[in-house]
Amino acid sequence: MRLALLTDLHANREALTACLEHAESQHVTDYAFLGDLVGYGADPVWVMDTVMAYAERGAYVLIGNHDQALLLDDKQGMNHVAYKVVMWTLAQLDEKHLAYIRALPFTIELDDVLLVHANAWAPESWEYIDGVMEAMRSFHASKARVTFCGHVHMPSLYHMTLTGKTGSFTPSADTSIPLSKQRRWLAIPGSVGQPRDGNPAACYAVYDSEAAELSFHRVPYDAEAAANKIIAAGLPAVLGERLLAGE
């Protein structure tokens, strides 16, 4: 299996299109969308329809916190920007999209692989894995040899030895990383639709289960077009500015 891992799409049609085209060039056999299909971007309908079409062909899909926000009865606790985006997104989607989101799981297990949007210890809490301590907590909450998470928007890779020693590093793009079976691994592919590491290029990863290798990819796309759509839709301009700066 060569599994493409795409997360935090955030209704960014241009970025998702570029990543899916790139994944085809990597001879991917399977796809996993790790949540946050919507939010921030101006193309929630196209992104939802695309993901749903991939799911019909066998892709794995998780719910993220931005997806779940659409379903909340009480949205008053959100900040102004988040509230405006959620209400605008709700006006774009129809009931088939919302029904699909309602049915999405928080986790998916594939043999020795765990897929989750935020973390393994409390998937529904949306707490971040932004350091070694949180990665250790996630390792201890799961028996999976390899865990793939989203939510953080920055690519990173954590590992735990058989004795429990945990470390991390920032992976380089387009380099195959051997995932030794003497360690457990937790990978965050980064965000397709809103990277936040200072590089506006979209992020995703490919996991080769037979070779036990993982590669992170950065895919340039027309961020200016995506940003202009956000402004044209009447969404907060800052969301478009973030795409151009990768933050």
Protein backbone atom coordinates (compact mmCIF):
# COMPACT_ATOMS: atom_id res chain seq x y z
CA MET A 1 0.00 0.00 0.00
CA ARG A 2 1.15 3.49 -0.88
CA LEU A 3 -1.05 5.75 1.20
CA ALA A 4 -1.39 9.49 0.56
CA LEU A 5 -2.03 11.38 3.79
CA LEU A 6 -3.81 14.69 3.32
CA THR A 7 -5.04 16.76 6.23
CA ASP A 8 -6.37 20.22 7.04
CA LEU A 9 -7.65 20.85 3.51
CA HIS A 10 -9.60 23.88 4.73
CA ALA A 11 -11.75 24.33 1.63
CA ASN A 12 -8.71 25.22 -0.48
CA ARG A 13 -9.47 23.93 -3.96
CA GLU A 14 -6.22 25.06 -5.55
CA ALA A 15 -4.04 23.41 -2.90
CA LEU A 16 -6.01 20.15 -2.85
CA THR A 17 -5.99 19.91 -6.63
CA ALA A 18 -2.21 20.34 -6.71
CA CYS A 19 -1.66 17.73 -3.99
CA LEU A 20 -3.95 15.15 -5.60
CA GLU A 21 -2.20 15.61 -8.94
CA HIS A 22 1.18 15.24 -7.26
CA ALA A 23 0.02 12.12 -5.41
CA GLU A 24 -0.90 10.48 -8.70
CA SER A 25 2.69 10.98 -9.86
CA GLN A 26 3.85 9.14 -6.73
CA HIS A 27 1.93 5.98 -7.71
CA VAL A 28 -0.33 6.23 -4.69
CA THR A 29 -2.77 3.34 -4.23
CA ASP A 30 -4.83 4.63 -1.29
CA TYR A 31 -5.87 7.97 0.17
CA ALA A 32 -6.56 9.18 3.71
CA PHE A 33 -8.07 12.58 4.51
CA LEU A 34 -7.37 13.31 8.19
CA GLY A 35 -10.03 15.94 8.85
CA ASP A 36 -10.67 19.68 8.66
CA LEU A 37 -12.06 19.41 5.18
CA VAL A 38 -13.67 22.85 5.55
CA GLY A 39 -13.01 26.14 7.31
CA TYR A 40 -10.98 29.20 6.26
CA GLY A 41 -11.16 28.65 2.48
CA ALA A 42 -13.69 29.63 -0.19
CA ASP A 43 -14.40 26.27 -1.84
CA PRO A 44 -16.10 24.05 0.76
CA VAL A 45 -18.56 22.53 -1.71
CA TRP A 46 -15.90 21.51 -4.23
CA VAL A 47 -13.61 20.12 -1.53
CA MET A 48 -16.44 18.18 0.14
CA ASP A 49 -17.63 16.77 -3.18
CA THR A 50 -14.08 15.77 -4.11
CA VAL A 51 -13.39 14.03 -0.80
CA MET A 52 -16.76 12.27 -0.91
CA ALA A 53 -15.98 11.02 -4.41
CA TYR A 54 -12.63 9.66 -3.24
CA ALA A 55 -14.38 8.01 -0.28
CA GLU A 56 -16.73 6.23 -2.67
CA ARG A 57 -13.62 4.70 -4.24
CA GLY A 58 -12.29 3.55 -0.87
CA ALA A 59 -10.50 6.56 0.64
CA TYR A 60 -10.39 6.90 4.42
CA VAL A 61 -11.89 10.10 5.84
CA LEU A 62 -11.90 11.51 9.40
CA ILE A 63 -13.74 14.37 11.03
CA GLY A 64 -11.77 17.40 12.21
CA ASN A 65 -12.63 20.18 14.63
CA HIS A 66 -13.58 22.62 11.87
CA ASP A 67 -15.89 20.02 10.38
CA GLN A 68 -17.46 19.34 13.76
CA ALA A 69 -17.96 23.06 14.36
CA LEU A 70 -20.57 23.07 11.61
CA LEU A 71 -22.66 20.64 13.65
CA LEU A 72 -22.56 22.51 16.98
CA ASP A 73 -25.84 23.91 18.24
CA ASP A 74 -24.08 26.61 20.23
CA LYS A 75 -21.56 28.55 18.15
CA GLN A 76 -21.45 31.66 20.33
CA GLY A 77 -18.18 30.65 22.00
CA MET A 78 -16.25 31.02 18.75
CA ASN A 79 -14.09 34.03 17.98
CA HIS A 80 -15.38 36.49 15.39
CA VAL A 81 -13.40 35.10 12.45
CA ALA A 82 -14.24 31.47 13.19
CA TYR A 83 -17.93 32.27 13.65
CA LYS A 84 -18.12 34.16 10.36
CA VAL A 85 -16.39 31.33 8.46
CA VAL A 86 -18.62 28.65 10.00
CA MET A 87 -21.84 30.50 9.22
CA TRP A 88 -20.69 31.30 5.67
CA THR A 89 -19.68 27.65 5.12
CA LEU A 90 -23.03 26.40 6.40
CA ALA A 91 -24.76 28.60 3.84
CA GLN A 92 -22.74 26.98 1.03
CA LEU A 93 -23.17 23.33 1.96
CA ASP A 94 -26.34 21.28 1.67
CA GLU A 95 -27.74 18.51 3.83
CA LYS A 96 -25.86 15.73 2.02
CA HIS A 97 -22.56 17.35 3.04
CA LEU A 98 -23.63 17.81 6.66
CA ALA A 99 -24.96 14.24 6.86
CA TYR A 100 -21.65 13.00 5.54
CA ILE A 101 -19.73 14.98 8.17
CA ARG A 102 -22.01 13.67 10.95
CA ALA A 103 -21.10 10.11 10.01
CA LEU A 104 -17.32 10.61 9.95
CA PRO A 105 -15.24 8.81 12.61
CA PHE A 106 -12.65 10.33 14.93
CA THR A 107 -10.15 7.49 14.33
CA ILE A 108 -9.48 4.71 11.84
CA GLU A 109 -7.20 1.73 12.45
CA LEU A 110 -5.45 -0.04 9.55
CA ASP A 111 -3.45 -3.04 10.75
CA ASP A 112 -0.55 -1.36 12.62
CA VAL A 113 -1.52 2.18 11.54
CA LEU A 114 -3.73 4.66 13.40
CA LEU A 115 -5.31 7.62 11.62
CA VAL A 116 -6.55 10.49 13.81
CA HIS A 117 -7.04 14.21 13.34
CA ALA A 118 -5.67 15.55 16.62
CA ASN A 119 -4.25 12.95 19.02
CA ALA A 120 -4.61 9.35 20.17
CA TRP A 121 -5.28 9.94 23.88
CA ALA A 122 -8.52 11.91 23.44
CA PRO A 123 -9.41 12.27 19.75
CA GLU A 124 -12.57 14.23 20.48
CA SER A 125 -10.81 16.85 22.63
CA TRP A 126 -8.83 18.39 19.74
CA GLU A 127 -5.70 18.86 21.87
CA TYR A 128 -2.54 19.51 19.85
CA ILE A 129 0.60 17.43 19.50
CA ASP A 130 3.09 20.28 19.43
CA GLY A 131 6.03 18.74 21.25
CA VAL A 132 7.70 15.57 22.50
CA MET A 133 5.62 15.37 25.69
CA GLU A 134 2.36 15.37 23.75
CA ALA A 135 3.77 12.84 21.28
CA MET A 136 4.69 10.55 24.18
CA ARG A 137 1.18 10.85 25.53
CA SER A 138 -0.20 9.82 22.15
CA PHE A 139 2.23 6.90 21.87
CA HIS A 140 1.14 5.60 25.27
CA ALA A 141 -2.54 5.83 24.31
CA SER A 142 -2.20 3.58 21.27
CA LYS A 143 -0.59 0.29 20.30
CA ALA A 144 -0.18 1.32 16.65
CA ARG A 145 3.35 1.21 15.27
CA VAL A 146 2.66 4.23 13.07
CA THR A 147 0.24 7.06 13.85
CA PHE A 148 -0.71 9.80 11.42
CA CYS A 149 -2.23 13.04 12.75
CA GLY A 150 -3.26 16.42 11.40
CA HIS A 151 -4.38 19.53 13.29
CA VAL A 152 -0.94 21.13 13.77
CA HIS A 153 -0.43 22.49 10.21
CA MET A 154 3.35 22.00 10.33
CA PRO A 155 5.11 18.81 9.13
CA SER A 156 6.92 16.89 11.85
CA LEU A 157 7.96 13.37 12.76
CA TYR A 158 8.27 11.80 16.21
CA HIS A 159 9.75 8.43 17.16
CA MET A 160 9.82 6.26 20.28
CA THR A 161 12.39 3.53 20.95
CA LEU A 162 11.62 0.17 22.55
CA THR A 163 12.80 1.63 25.86
CA GLY A 164 10.42 4.58 25.60
CA LYS A 165 12.91 7.28 24.62
CA THR A 166 11.16 9.79 22.39
CA GLY A 167 12.61 12.27 19.91
CA SER A 168 11.55 14.40 16.97
CA PHE A 169 12.80 16.17 13.89
CA THR A 170 11.49 18.32 11.07
CA PRO A 171 11.50 16.21 7.89
CA SER A 172 12.91 17.39 4.58
CA ALA A 173 10.63 17.40 1.57
CA ASP A 174 10.82 14.70 -1.10
CA THR A 175 13.13 12.46 0.93
CA SER A 176 12.19 8.88 1.79
CA ILE A 177 12.51 8.23 5.51
CA PRO A 178 12.88 4.59 6.60
CA LEU A 179 10.57 3.82 9.53
CA SER A 180 12.58 1.28 11.51
CA LYS A 181 10.49 -1.45 13.06
CA GLN A 182 12.60 -1.05 16.18
CA ARG A 183 10.75 2.21 16.83
CA ARG A 184 7.23 3.53 16.85
CA TRP A 185 6.39 6.59 14.78
CA LEU A 186 4.01 9.53 14.81
CA ALA A 187 3.88 11.69 11.71
CA ILE A 188 2.12 14.99 11.07
CA PRO A 189 2.05 15.61 7.30
CA GLY A 190 1.36 19.34 7.61
CA SER A 191 -1.58 21.15 6.07
CA VAL A 192 -2.78 20.93 2.49
CA GLY A 193 -4.91 24.06 2.69
CA GLN A 194 -3.19 26.34 5.18
CA PRO A 195 0.51 25.63 5.93
CA ARG A 196 1.86 27.52 8.94
CA ASP A 197 5.62 27.03 8.84
CA GLY A 198 6.46 30.06 6.74
CA ASN A 199 6.31 28.12 3.47
CA PRO A 200 3.08 28.66 1.50
CA ALA A 201 3.51 25.43 -0.50
CA ALA A 202 0.90 22.79 0.33
CA CYS A 203 1.94 19.81 2.45
CA TYR A 204 1.08 16.12 2.36
CA ALA A 205 2.85 12.79 2.87
CA VAL A 206 3.03 9.31 1.36
CA TYR A 207 3.46 6.15 3.43
CA ASP A 208 4.73 2.96 1.75
CA SER A 209 3.69 0.13 4.06
CA GLU A 210 5.66 -2.58 2.27
CA ALA A 211 8.92 -0.63 2.16
CA ALA A 212 8.21 0.91 5.60
CA GLU A 213 9.11 4.34 4.24
CA LEU A 214 7.54 7.76 4.60
CA SER A 215 8.02 10.80 2.39
CA PHE A 216 6.85 14.34 3.03
CA HIS A 217 6.05 16.56 0.06
CA ARG A 218 5.70 20.30 -0.53
CA VAL A 219 3.58 21.21 -3.53
CA PRO A 220 3.50 24.78 -4.87
CA TYR A 221 0.05 25.96 -5.94
CA ASP A 222 -1.72 29.19 -6.90
CA ALA A 223 -2.10 30.59 -3.38
CA GLU A 224 -2.90 34.02 -4.78
CA ALA A 225 -5.96 32.67 -6.58
CA ALA A 226 -7.12 30.93 -3.41
CA ALA A 227 -6.60 34.13 -1.41
CA ASN A 228 -8.50 36.23 -3.94
CA LYS A 229 -11.45 33.83 -3.71
CA ILE A 230 -11.54 34.28 0.06
CA ILE A 231 -11.74 38.05 -0.33
CA ALA A 232 -14.34 37.82 -3.12
CA ALA A 233 -16.51 35.60 -0.92
CA GLY A 234 -16.55 38.27 1.77
CA LEU A 235 -14.58 36.18 4.24
CA PRO A 236 -12.00 37.88 6.51
CA ALA A 237 -9.08 39.08 4.36
CA VAL A 238 -6.58 37.85 6.96
CA LEU A 239 -7.37 34.28 5.91
CA GLY A 240 -6.15 34.99 2.40
CA GLU A 241 -3.09 36.85 3.67
CA ARG A 242 -2.10 33.81 5.74
CA LEU A 243 -2.05 31.63 2.63
CA LEU A 244 0.42 33.91 0.90
CA ALA A 245 2.71 34.02 3.93
CA GLY A 246 2.34 30.36 4.91
CA GLU A 247 1.40 31.23 8.49
